[in-house]
Structure formats: structure tokens, C-alpha cells
């Protein structure tokens, strides 16, 4: 029996994931954020949240399309949009298993 009160999420197709994210489509674990956006999955530490909000407002679909077209997500599943803010590759790009380990910038 279907529940007519439940709306499908236009970004998150997986019912389990949709059930565990907050209102911003985020899962936050130990200060690390995985956020599902119209541009793909973004991964960052929670202290970058304000910058991510600004970034999401100024990012265009064309910019994200150019990243997906030019970056080899099979070789490196993360693209660093800015230091500490990563775009995670789409697991539908032919990868059987996806590693969601958060990369962190190296300190010099």
C-alpha cells in the first residue's frame, strides 16, 4: 500500500537515504557533512557550511557539467571545488562500489 502523503524527493531517489537526511538533504557524522544537491553530492567539514551555502547560490549547472566532463571520477572520486569542499563523483558512472571516505586537505 502506497502512502499518498509521502512526496518523492527530486534529488534523492533512494528511499533509505531520503529517510535519514535532514531538511537540507544532509547527513552529518562527527562533523563531516554529506549533502545531496542539485549539482551532485558535496562532502565537507561542517565549519564550511556557510561557504557551501554561498557556493550553492553562485554555482551554475554549466560549471558543474564542465567539472564532470573534465575530471576523471573513476581515478579520483572527489573534485575539490575549494579547499575542503568536495564534489563527489556520481556512482552511476559505471563504478560498482563507491568509497565515501572524506578527503581532507594536507596541511603544510
PDB file of N, CA and C in Angstrom:
ATOM      1  N   UNK A   1       0.835  -1.177   0.000  1.00  0.00           N
ATOM      2  CA  UNK A   1       0.000   0.000   0.000  1.00  0.00           C
ATOM      3  C   UNK A   1       0.883   1.245   0.000  1.00  0.00           C
ATOM      4  N   UNK A   2       0.600   2.181  -0.904  1.00  0.00           N
ATOM      5  CA  UNK A   2       1.410   3.392  -1.006  1.00  0.00           C
ATOM      6  C   UNK A   2       0.882   4.458  -0.065  1.00  0.00           C
ATOM      7  N   UNK A   3       1.777   5.256   0.452  1.00  0.00           N
ATOM      8  CA  UNK A   3       1.401   6.363   1.317  1.00  0.00           C
ATOM      9  C   UNK A   3       1.318   7.613   0.452  1.00  0.00           C
ATOM     10  N   UNK A   4       0.114   8.140   0.255  1.00  0.00           N
ATOM     11  CA  UNK A   4      -0.078   9.293  -0.622  1.00  0.00           C
ATOM     12  C   UNK A   4       0.483  10.578  -0.024  1.00  0.00           C
ATOM     13  N   UNK A   5       0.769  10.576   1.296  1.00  0.00           N
ATOM     14  CA  UNK A   5       1.290  11.774   1.950  1.00  0.00           C
ATOM     15  C   UNK A   5       2.787  11.954   1.744  1.00  0.00           C
ATOM     16  N   UNK A   6       3.493  10.927   1.275  1.00  0.00           N
ATOM     17  CA  UNK A   6       4.932  10.997   1.104  1.00  0.00           C
ATOM     18  C   UNK A   6       5.250  11.491  -0.303  1.00  0.00           C
ATOM     19  N   UNK A   7       5.981  12.601  -0.360  1.00  0.00           N
ATOM     20  CA  UNK A   7       6.382  13.149  -1.647  1.00  0.00           C
ATOM     21  C   UNK A   7       7.736  12.579  -2.039  1.00  0.00           C
ATOM     22  N   UNK A   8       7.889  12.298  -3.332  1.00  0.00           N
ATOM     23  CA  UNK A   8       9.189  11.838  -3.805  1.00  0.00           C
ATOM     24  C   UNK A   8      10.149  13.005  -3.833  1.00  0.00           C
ATOM     25  N   UNK A   9      11.381  12.746  -3.453  1.00  0.00           N
ATOM     26  CA  UNK A   9      12.405  13.778  -3.475  1.00  0.00           C
ATOM     27  C   UNK A   9      12.973  13.854  -4.890  1.00  0.00           C
ATOM     28  N   UNK A  10      13.008  15.044  -5.494  1.00  0.00           N
ATOM     29  CA  UNK A  10      13.506  15.154  -6.864  1.00  0.00           C
ATOM     30  C   UNK A  10      15.017  14.939  -6.985  1.00  0.00           C
ATOM     31  N   UNK A  11      15.735  14.989  -5.871  1.00  0.00           N
ATOM     32  CA  UNK A  11      17.194  14.838  -5.899  1.00  0.00           C
ATOM     33  C   UNK A  11      17.621  13.471  -5.392  1.00  0.00           C
ATOM     34  N   UNK A  12      16.992  12.978  -4.332  1.00  0.00           N
ATOM     35  CA  UNK A  12      17.380  11.700  -3.733  1.00  0.00           C
ATOM     36  C   UNK A  12      16.346  10.641  -4.114  1.00  0.00           C
ATOM     37  N   UNK A  13      16.740   9.722  -4.970  1.00  0.00           N
ATOM     38  CA  UNK A  13      15.826   8.680  -5.431  1.00  0.00           C
ATOM     39  C   UNK A  13      15.761   7.504  -4.461  1.00  0.00           C
ATOM     40  N   UNK A  14      16.806   7.309  -3.674  1.00  0.00           N
ATOM     41  CA  UNK A  14      16.896   6.195  -2.733  1.00  0.00           C
ATOM     42  C   UNK A  14      16.066   6.501  -1.483  1.00  0.00           C
ATOM     43  N   UNK A  15      15.035   5.698  -1.221  1.00  0.00           N
ATOM     44  CA  UNK A  15      14.141   5.939  -0.083  1.00  0.00           C
ATOM     45  C   UNK A  15      14.871   5.905   1.261  1.00  0.00           C
ATOM     46  N   UNK A  16      15.833   4.986   1.420  1.00  0.00           N
ATOM     47  CA  UNK A  16      16.562   4.912   2.684  1.00  0.00           C
ATOM     48  C   UNK A  16      17.347   6.206   2.934  1.00  0.00           C
ATOM     49  N   UNK A  17      18.101   6.660   1.920  1.00  0.00           N
ATOM     50  CA  UNK A  17      18.869   7.895   2.083  1.00  0.00           C
ATOM     51  C   UNK A  17      17.938   9.068   2.357  1.00  0.00           C
ATOM     52  N   UNK A  18      16.839   9.138   1.631  1.00  0.00           N
ATOM     53  CA  UNK A  18      15.885  10.230   1.841  1.00  0.00           C
ATOM     54  C   UNK A  18      15.322  10.217   3.265  1.00  0.00           C
ATOM     55  N   UNK A  19      15.248   9.048   3.877  1.00  0.00           N
ATOM     56  CA  UNK A  19      14.690   8.955   5.226  1.00  0.00           C
ATOM     57  C   UNK A  19      15.672   9.380   6.316  1.00  0.00           C
ATOM     58  N   UNK A  20      16.981   9.436   6.016  1.00  0.00           N
ATOM     59  CA  UNK A  20      17.953   9.767   7.069  1.00  0.00           C
ATOM     60  C   UNK A  20      18.552  11.163   6.952  1.00  0.00           C
ATOM     61  N   UNK A  21      18.305  11.872   5.852  1.00  0.00           N
ATOM     62  CA  UNK A  21      18.861  13.212   5.707  1.00  0.00           C
ATOM     63  C   UNK A  21      17.988  14.237   6.415  1.00  0.00           C
ATOM     64  N   UNK A  22      18.599  15.384   6.756  1.00  0.00           N
ATOM     65  CA  UNK A  22      17.832  16.460   7.379  1.00  0.00           C
ATOM     66  C   UNK A  22      17.150  17.296   6.293  1.00  0.00           C
ATOM     67  N   UNK A  23      16.563  18.423   6.690  1.00  0.00           N
ATOM     68  CA  UNK A  23      15.804  19.252   5.746  1.00  0.00           C
ATOM     69  C   UNK A  23      16.670  19.845   4.628  1.00  0.00           C
ATOM     70  N   UNK A  24      17.983  19.924   4.846  1.00  0.00           N
ATOM     71  CA  UNK A  24      18.897  20.412   3.803  1.00  0.00           C
ATOM     72  C   UNK A  24      19.470  19.271   2.969  1.00  0.00           C
ATOM     73  N   UNK A  25      18.934  18.069   3.150  1.00  0.00           N
ATOM     74  CA  UNK A  25      19.424  16.856   2.473  1.00  0.00           C
ATOM     75  C   UNK A  25      20.863  16.542   2.888  1.00  0.00           C
ATOM     76  N   UNK A  26      21.152  16.667   4.165  1.00  0.00           N
ATOM     77  CA  UNK A  26      22.484  16.412   4.697  1.00  0.00           C
ATOM     78  C   UNK A  26      22.457  15.235   5.670  1.00  0.00           C
ATOM     79  N   UNK A  27      23.573  14.520   5.679  1.00  0.00           N
ATOM     80  CA  UNK A  27      23.872  13.562   6.726  1.00  0.00           C
ATOM     81  C   UNK A  27      25.150  14.087   7.370  1.00  0.00           C
ATOM     82  N   UNK A  28      25.135  14.279   8.690  1.00  0.00           N
ATOM     83  CA  UNK A  28      26.288  14.827   9.392  1.00  0.00           C
ATOM     84  C   UNK A  28      26.767  13.784  10.398  1.00  0.00           C
ATOM     85  N   UNK A  29      28.010  13.371  10.225  1.00  0.00           N
ATOM     86  CA  UNK A  29      28.596  12.371  11.112  1.00  0.00           C
ATOM     87  C   UNK A  29      29.940  12.890  11.598  1.00  0.00           C
ATOM     88  N   UNK A  30      30.055  13.084  12.904  1.00  0.00           N
ATOM     89  CA  UNK A  30      31.303  13.522  13.517  1.00  0.00           C
ATOM     90  C   UNK A  30      31.873  14.763  12.829  1.00  0.00           C
ATOM     91  N   UNK A  31      31.010  15.730  12.520  1.00  0.00           N
ATOM     92  CA  UNK A  31      31.453  16.987  11.928  1.00  0.00           C
ATOM     93  C   UNK A  31      31.646  16.960  10.427  1.00  0.00           C
ATOM     94  N   UNK A  32      31.524  15.798   9.820  1.00  0.00           N
ATOM     95  CA  UNK A  32      31.640  15.702   8.360  1.00  0.00           C
ATOM     96  C   UNK A  32      30.239  15.698   7.763  1.00  0.00           C
ATOM     97  N   UNK A  33      30.061  16.451   6.689  1.00  0.00           N
ATOM     98  CA  UNK A  33      28.751  16.609   6.066  1.00  0.00           C
ATOM     99  C   UNK A  33      28.774  15.974   4.683  1.00  0.00           C
ATOM    100  N   UNK A  34      27.757  15.167   4.398  1.00  0.00           N
ATOM    101  CA  UNK A  34      27.497  14.682   3.043  1.00  0.00           C
ATOM    102  C   UNK A  34      26.169  15.320   2.671  1.00  0.00           C
ATOM    103  N   UNK A  35      26.188  16.180   1.665  1.00  0.00           N
ATOM    104  CA  UNK A  35      24.993  16.938   1.292  1.00  0.00           C
ATOM    105  C   UNK A  35      24.625  16.644  -0.151  1.00  0.00           C
ATOM    106  N   UNK A  36      23.390  16.265  -0.352  1.00  0.00           N
ATOM    107  CA  UNK A  36      22.881  15.964  -1.686  1.00  0.00           C
ATOM    108  C   UNK A  36      22.290  17.238  -2.260  1.00  0.00           C
ATOM    109  N   UNK A  37      22.791  17.672  -3.414  1.00  0.00           N
ATOM    110  CA  UNK A  37      22.351  18.917  -4.026  1.00  0.00           C
ATOM    111  C   UNK A  37      21.929  18.655  -5.466  1.00  0.00           C
ATOM    112  N   UNK A  38      21.372  19.687  -6.083  1.00  0.00           N
ATOM    113  CA  UNK A  38      21.009  19.571  -7.495  1.00  0.00           C
ATOM    114  C   UNK A  38      22.253  19.415  -8.367  1.00  0.00           C
ATOM    115  N   UNK A  39      23.423  19.727  -7.816  1.00  0.00           N
ATOM    116  CA  UNK A  39      24.676  19.648  -8.559  1.00  0.00           C
ATOM    117  C   UNK A  39      25.450  18.367  -8.289  1.00  0.00           C
ATOM    118  N   UNK A  40      24.923  17.491  -7.461  1.00  0.00           N
ATOM    119  CA  UNK A  40      25.633  16.278  -7.089  1.00  0.00           C
ATOM    120  C   UNK A  40      25.846  16.235  -5.587  1.00  0.00           C
ATOM    121  N   UNK A  41      26.647  15.298  -5.129  1.00  0.00           N
ATOM    122  CA  UNK A  41      26.896  15.115  -3.698  1.00  0.00           C
ATOM    123  C   UNK A  41      28.126  15.905  -3.288  1.00  0.00           C
ATOM    124  N   UNK A  42      27.963  16.763  -2.291  1.00  0.00           N
ATOM    125  CA  UNK A  42      29.055  17.581  -1.786  1.00  0.00           C
ATOM    126  C   UNK A  42      29.472  17.041  -0.435  1.00  0.00           C
ATOM    127  N   UNK A  43      30.767  17.027  -0.171  1.00  0.00           N
ATOM    128  CA  UNK A  43      31.313  16.496   1.074  1.00  0.00           C
ATOM    129  C   UNK A  43      32.251  17.555   1.659  1.00  0.00           C
ATOM    130  N   UNK A  44      32.061  17.862   2.956  1.00  0.00           N
ATOM    131  CA  UNK A  44      32.876  18.912   3.580  1.00  0.00           C
ATOM    132  C   UNK A  44      32.743  18.815   5.096  1.00  0.00           C
ATOM    133  N   UNK A  45      33.633  19.500   5.806  1.00  0.00           N
ATOM    134  CA  UNK A  45      33.535  19.585   7.261  1.00  0.00           C
ATOM    135  C   UNK A  45      32.481  20.639   7.591  1.00  0.00           C
ATOM    136  N   UNK A  46      31.760  20.464   8.701  1.00  0.00           N
ATOM    137  CA  UNK A  46      30.643  21.356   8.988  1.00  0.00           C
ATOM    138  C   UNK A  46      31.036  22.818   9.152  1.00  0.00           C
ATOM    139  N   UNK A  47      32.312  23.108   9.434  1.00  0.00           N
ATOM    140  CA  UNK A  47      32.671  24.521   9.542  1.00  0.00           C
ATOM    141  C   UNK A  47      32.730  25.220   8.183  1.00  0.00           C
ATOM    142  N   UNK A  48      32.541  24.491   7.100  1.00  0.00           N
ATOM    143  CA  UNK A  48      32.451  25.092   5.766  1.00  0.00           C
ATOM    144  C   UNK A  48      31.000  25.328   5.338  1.00  0.00           C
ATOM    145  N   UNK A  49      30.026  25.089   6.219  1.00  0.00           N
ATOM    146  CA  UNK A  49      28.621  25.165   5.832  1.00  0.00           C
ATOM    147  C   UNK A  49      28.243  26.525   5.269  1.00  0.00           C
ATOM    148  N   UNK A  50      28.653  27.626   5.908  1.00  0.00           N
ATOM    149  CA  UNK A  50      28.307  28.957   5.401  1.00  0.00           C
ATOM    150  C   UNK A  50      28.872  29.174   4.000  1.00  0.00           C
ATOM    151  N   UNK A  51      30.107  28.750   3.779  1.00  0.00           N
ATOM    152  CA  UNK A  51      30.718  28.908   2.457  1.00  0.00           C
ATOM    153  C   UNK A  51      29.999  28.048   1.421  1.00  0.00           C
ATOM    154  N   UNK A  52      29.602  26.843   1.805  1.00  0.00           N
ATOM    155  CA  UNK A  52      28.872  25.966   0.889  1.00  0.00           C
ATOM    156  C   UNK A  52      27.540  26.609   0.505  1.00  0.00           C
ATOM    157  N   UNK A  53      26.848  27.207   1.468  1.00  0.00           N
ATOM    158  CA  UNK A  53      25.583  27.895   1.167  1.00  0.00           C
ATOM    159  C   UNK A  53      25.801  28.977   0.108  1.00  0.00           C
ATOM    160  N   UNK A  54      26.864  29.779   0.273  1.00  0.00           N
ATOM    161  CA  UNK A  54      27.184  30.822  -0.707  1.00  0.00           C
ATOM    162  C   UNK A  54      27.542  30.213  -2.052  1.00  0.00           C
ATOM    163  N   UNK A  55      28.325  29.160  -2.000  1.00  0.00           N
ATOM    164  CA  UNK A  55      28.785  28.488  -3.208  1.00  0.00           C
ATOM    165  C   UNK A  55      27.609  27.920  -3.998  1.00  0.00           C
ATOM    166  N   UNK A  56      26.653  27.314  -3.303  1.00  0.00           N
ATOM    167  CA  UNK A  56      25.487  26.738  -3.982  1.00  0.00           C
ATOM    168  C   UNK A  56      24.665  27.810  -4.687  1.00  0.00           C
ATOM    169  N   UNK A  57      24.603  29.003  -4.108  1.00  0.00           N
ATOM    170  CA  UNK A  57      23.855  30.095  -4.726  1.00  0.00           C
ATOM    171  C   UNK A  57      24.543  30.653  -5.974  1.00  0.00           C
ATOM    172  N   UNK A  58      25.884  30.555  -6.018  1.00  0.00           N
ATOM    173  CA  UNK A  58      26.618  31.147  -7.135  1.00  0.00           C
ATOM    174  C   UNK A  58      27.062  30.142  -8.199  1.00  0.00           C
ATOM    175  N   UNK A  59      26.891  28.856  -7.935  1.00  0.00           N
ATOM    176  CA  UNK A  59      27.329  27.826  -8.872  1.00  0.00           C
ATOM    177  C   UNK A  59      26.279  27.617  -9.955  1.00  0.00           C
ATOM    178  N   UNK A  60      26.745  27.430 -11.180  1.00  0.00           N
ATOM    179  CA  UNK A  60      25.814  27.201 -12.287  1.00  0.00           C
ATOM    180  C   UNK A  60      25.878  25.742 -12.741  1.00  0.00           C
ATOM    181  N   UNK A  61      24.805  25.265 -13.315  1.00  0.00           N
ATOM    182  CA  UNK A  61      24.827  23.899 -13.858  1.00  0.00           C
ATOM    183  C   UNK A  61      25.930  23.716 -14.903  1.00  0.00           C
ATOM    184  N   UNK A  62      26.226  24.739 -15.661  1.00  0.00           N
ATOM    185  CA  UNK A  62      27.279  24.654 -16.677  1.00  0.00           C
ATOM    186  C   UNK A  62      28.655  24.433 -16.051  1.00  0.00           C
ATOM    187  N   UNK A  63      28.911  25.097 -14.913  1.00  0.00           N
ATOM    188  CA  UNK A  63      30.185  24.912 -14.218  1.00  0.00           C
ATOM    189  C   UNK A  63      30.327  23.470 -13.717  1.00  0.00           C
ATOM    190  N   UNK A  64      29.257  22.930 -13.162  1.00  0.00           N
ATOM    191  CA  UNK A  64      29.298  21.557 -12.666  1.00  0.00           C
ATOM    192  C   UNK A  64      29.431  20.577 -13.825  1.00  0.00           C
ATOM    193  N   UNK A  65      28.697  20.827 -14.919  1.00  0.00           N
ATOM    194  CA  UNK A  65      28.820  19.966 -16.104  1.00  0.00           C
ATOM    195  C   UNK A  65      30.255  19.940 -16.616  1.00  0.00           C
ATOM    196  N   UNK A  66      30.920  21.092 -16.601  1.00  0.00           N
ATOM    197  CA  UNK A  66      32.313  21.163 -17.059  1.00  0.00           C
ATOM    198  C   UNK A  66      33.227  20.344 -16.150  1.00  0.00           C
ATOM    199  N   UNK A  67      32.967  20.351 -14.853  1.00  0.00           N
ATOM    200  CA  UNK A  67      33.772  19.546 -13.914  1.00  0.00           C
ATOM    201  C   UNK A  67      33.581  18.067 -14.202  1.00  0.00           C
ATOM    202  N   UNK A  68      32.308  17.638 -14.335  1.00  0.00           N
ATOM    203  CA  UNK A  68      32.047  16.224 -14.606  1.00  0.00           C
ATOM    204  C   UNK A  68      32.651  15.795 -15.947  1.00  0.00           C
ATOM    205  N   UNK A  69      32.686  16.701 -16.918  1.00  0.00           N
ATOM    206  CA  UNK A  69      33.233  16.369 -18.236  1.00  0.00           C
ATOM    207  C   UNK A  69      34.755  16.295 -18.223  1.00  0.00           C
ATOM    208  N   UNK A  70      35.402  17.058 -17.327  1.00  0.00           N
ATOM    209  CA  UNK A  70      36.864  17.156 -17.375  1.00  0.00           C
ATOM    210  C   UNK A  70      37.587  16.340 -16.298  1.00  0.00           C
ATOM    211  N   UNK A  71      36.892  15.969 -15.230  1.00  0.00           N
ATOM    212  CA  UNK A  71      37.553  15.263 -14.125  1.00  0.00           C
ATOM    213  C   UNK A  71      37.293  13.767 -14.230  1.00  0.00           C
ATOM    214  N   UNK A  72      38.299  12.959 -14.007  1.00  0.00           N
ATOM    215  CA  UNK A  72      38.161  11.508 -14.050  1.00  0.00           C
ATOM    216  C   UNK A  72      37.750  11.007 -12.669  1.00  0.00           C
ATOM    217  N   UNK A  73      36.446  10.855 -12.455  1.00  0.00           N
ATOM    218  CA  UNK A  73      35.939  10.433 -11.153  1.00  0.00           C
ATOM    219  C   UNK A  73      36.222   8.971 -10.863  1.00  0.00           C
ATOM    220  N   UNK A  74      36.500   8.178 -11.879  1.00  0.00           N
ATOM    221  CA  UNK A  74      36.899   6.789 -11.614  1.00  0.00           C
ATOM    222  C   UNK A  74      38.291   6.750 -11.004  1.00  0.00           C
ATOM    223  N   UNK A  75      39.165   7.608 -11.489  1.00  0.00           N
ATOM    224  CA  UNK A  75      40.536   7.681 -10.974  1.00  0.00           C
ATOM    225  C   UNK A  75      40.563   8.355  -9.594  1.00  0.00           C
ATOM    226  N   UNK A  76      39.803   9.439  -9.448  1.00  0.00           N
ATOM    227  CA  UNK A  76      39.752  10.203  -8.200  1.00  0.00           C
ATOM    228  C   UNK A  76      38.296  10.595  -7.957  1.00  0.00           C
ATOM    229  N   UNK A  77      37.595   9.934  -7.019  1.00  0.00           N
ATOM    230  CA  UNK A  77      36.158  10.151  -6.859  1.00  0.00           C
ATOM    231  C   UNK A  77      35.763  11.523  -6.307  1.00  0.00           C
ATOM    232  N   UNK A  78      36.727  12.319  -5.887  1.00  0.00           N
ATOM    233  CA  UNK A  78      36.422  13.647  -5.371  1.00  0.00           C
ATOM    234  C   UNK A  78      37.050  14.734  -6.234  1.00  0.00           C
ATOM    235  N   UNK A  79      36.309  15.813  -6.438  1.00  0.00           N
ATOM    236  CA  UNK A  79      36.849  17.002  -7.088  1.00  0.00           C
ATOM    237  C   UNK A  79      36.774  18.120  -6.056  1.00  0.00           C
ATOM    238  N   UNK A  80      37.898  18.759  -5.778  1.00  0.00           N
ATOM    239  CA  UNK A  80      37.927  19.810  -4.760  1.00  0.00           C
ATOM    240  C   UNK A  80      37.455  21.124  -5.382  1.00  0.00           C
ATOM    241  N   UNK A  81      36.241  21.541  -5.020  1.00  0.00           N
ATOM    242  CA  UNK A  81      35.669  22.791  -5.535  1.00  0.00           C
ATOM    243  C   UNK A  81      36.408  23.996  -4.978  1.00  0.00           C
ATOM    244  N   UNK A  82      36.726  23.927  -3.713  1.00  0.00           N
ATOM    245  CA  UNK A  82      37.536  24.906  -2.989  1.00  0.00           C
ATOM    246  C   UNK A  82      38.234  24.098  -1.913  1.00  0.00           C
ATOM    247  N   UNK A  83      39.286  24.635  -1.304  1.00  0.00           N
ATOM    248  CA  UNK A  83      39.940  23.856  -0.254  1.00  0.00           C
ATOM    249  C   UNK A  83      38.945  23.374   0.813  1.00  0.00           C
ATOM    250  N   UNK A  84      38.829  22.056   0.937  1.00  0.00           N
ATOM    251  CA  UNK A  84      37.962  21.466   1.940  1.00  0.00           C
ATOM    252  C   UNK A  84      36.531  21.205   1.516  1.00  0.00           C
ATOM    253  N   UNK A  85      36.149  21.623   0.302  1.00  0.00           N
ATOM    254  CA  UNK A  85      34.781  21.410  -0.196  1.00  0.00           C
ATOM    255  C   UNK A  85      34.880  20.557  -1.454  1.00  0.00           C
ATOM    256  N   UNK A  86      34.299  19.360  -1.402  1.00  0.00           N
ATOM    257  CA  UNK A  86      34.481  18.381  -2.469  1.00  0.00           C
ATOM    258  C   UNK A  86      33.173  18.021  -3.144  1.00  0.00           C
ATOM    259  N   UNK A  87      33.239  17.839  -4.453  1.00  0.00           N
ATOM    260  CA  UNK A  87      32.149  17.270  -5.227  1.00  0.00           C
ATOM    261  C   UNK A  87      32.468  15.796  -5.387  1.00  0.00           C
ATOM    262  N   UNK A  88      31.548  14.949  -4.948  1.00  0.00           N
ATOM    263  CA  UNK A  88      31.766  13.510  -5.024  1.00  0.00           C
ATOM    264  C   UNK A  88      31.224  12.984  -6.338  1.00  0.00           C
ATOM    265  N   UNK A  89      31.996  12.128  -6.988  1.00  0.00           N
ATOM    266  CA  UNK A  89      31.601  11.578  -8.273  1.00  0.00           C
ATOM    267  C   UNK A  89      30.301  10.809  -8.209  1.00  0.00           C
ATOM    268  N   UNK A  90      29.597  10.804  -9.304  1.00  0.00           N
ATOM    269  CA  UNK A  90      28.327  10.110  -9.413  1.00  0.00           C
ATOM    270  C   UNK A  90      28.574   8.610  -9.485  1.00  0.00           C
ATOM    271  N   UNK A  91      28.037   7.823  -8.540  1.00  0.00           N
ATOM    272  CA  UNK A  91      28.289   6.377  -8.573  1.00  0.00           C
ATOM    273  C   UNK A  91      27.693   5.698  -9.789  1.00  0.00           C
ATOM    274  N   UNK A  92      26.846   6.377 -10.540  1.00  0.00           N
ATOM    275  CA  UNK A  92      26.271   5.802 -11.751  1.00  0.00           C
ATOM    276  C   UNK A  92      27.242   5.865 -12.923  1.00  0.00           C
ATOM    277  N   UNK A  93      28.437   6.381 -12.707  1.00  0.00           N
ATOM    278  CA  UNK A  93      29.431   6.464 -13.778  1.00  0.00           C
ATOM    279  C   UNK A  93      30.107   5.132 -14.048  1.00  0.00           C
ATOM    280  N   UNK A  94      29.453   4.032 -13.710  1.00  0.00           N
ATOM    281  CA  UNK A  94      29.997   2.730 -14.017  1.00  0.00           C
ATOM    282  C   UNK A  94      30.746   2.078 -12.880  1.00  0.00           C
ATOM    283  N   UNK A  95      30.854   2.737 -11.748  1.00  0.00           N
ATOM    284  CA  UNK A  95      31.566   2.152 -10.621  1.00  0.00           C
ATOM    285  C   UNK A  95      30.635   1.198  -9.883  1.00  0.00           C
ATOM    286  N   UNK A  96      31.130   0.014  -9.553  1.00  0.00           N
ATOM    287  CA  UNK A  96      30.322  -0.948  -8.824  1.00  0.00           C
ATOM    288  C   UNK A  96      30.250  -0.617  -7.345  1.00  0.00           C
ATOM    289  N   UNK A  97      31.336  -0.115  -6.813  1.00  0.00           N
ATOM    290  CA  UNK A  97      31.402   0.184  -5.395  1.00  0.00           C
ATOM    291  C   UNK A  97      31.976   1.583  -5.235  1.00  0.00           C
ATOM    292  N   UNK A  98      31.426   2.356  -4.329  1.00  0.00           N
ATOM    293  CA  UNK A  98      31.841   3.737  -4.162  1.00  0.00           C
ATOM    294  C   UNK A  98      32.437   3.920  -2.773  1.00  0.00           C
ATOM    295  N   UNK A  99      33.589   4.560  -2.685  1.00  0.00           N
ATOM    296  CA  UNK A  99      34.246   4.821  -1.415  1.00  0.00           C
ATOM    297  C   UNK A  99      33.889   6.234  -0.977  1.00  0.00           C
ATOM    298  N   UNK A 100      33.169   6.361   0.143  1.00  0.00           N
ATOM    299  CA  UNK A 100      32.740   7.676   0.597  1.00  0.00           C
ATOM    300  C   UNK A 100      33.691   8.267   1.642  1.00  0.00           C
ATOM    301  N   UNK A 101      34.931   7.796   1.681  1.00  0.00           N
ATOM    302  CA  UNK A 101      35.888   8.333   2.648  1.00  0.00           C
ATOM    303  C   UNK A 101      36.146   9.804   2.341  1.00  0.00           C
ATOM    304  N   UNK A 102      36.060  10.623   3.350  1.00  0.00           N
ATOM    305  CA  UNK A 102      36.273  12.059   3.165  1.00  0.00           C
ATOM    306  C   UNK A 102      37.748  12.364   3.023  1.00  0.00           C
ATOM    307  N   UNK A 103      38.107  13.057   1.950  1.00  0.00           N
ATOM    308  CA  UNK A 103      39.481  13.513   1.809  1.00  0.00           C
ATOM    309  C   UNK A 103      39.618  14.835   2.548  1.00  0.00           C
ATOM    310  N   UNK A 104      40.738  15.062   3.152  1.00  0.00           N
ATOM    311  CA  UNK A 104      40.982  16.328   3.823  1.00  0.00           C
ATOM    312  C   UNK A 104      42.248  16.942   3.259  1.00  0.00           C
ATOM    313  N   UNK A 105      42.267  18.271   3.139  1.00  0.00           N
ATOM    314  CA  UNK A 105      43.461  18.904   2.575  1.00  0.00           C
ATOM    315  C   UNK A 105      44.680  18.686   3.469  1.00  0.00           C
ATOM    316  N   UNK A 106      45.814  18.501   2.847  1.00  0.00           N
ATOM    317  CA  UNK A 106      47.053  18.317   3.614  1.00  0.00           C
ATOM    318  C   UNK A 106      47.540  19.658   4.115  1.00  0.00           C
ATOM    319  N   UNK A 107      47.945  19.690   5.342  1.00  0.00           N
ATOM    320  CA  UNK A 107      48.486  20.927   5.931  1.00  0.00           C
ATOM    321  C   UNK A 107      49.972  21.001   5.642  1.00  0.00           C
ATOM    322  N   UNK A 108      50.438  22.191   5.301  1.00  0.00           N
ATOM    323  CA  UNK A 108      51.861  22.374   5.007  1.00  0.00           C
ATOM    324  C   UNK A 108      52.560  22.929   6.220  1.00  0.00           C
TER     325      UNK A 108
END
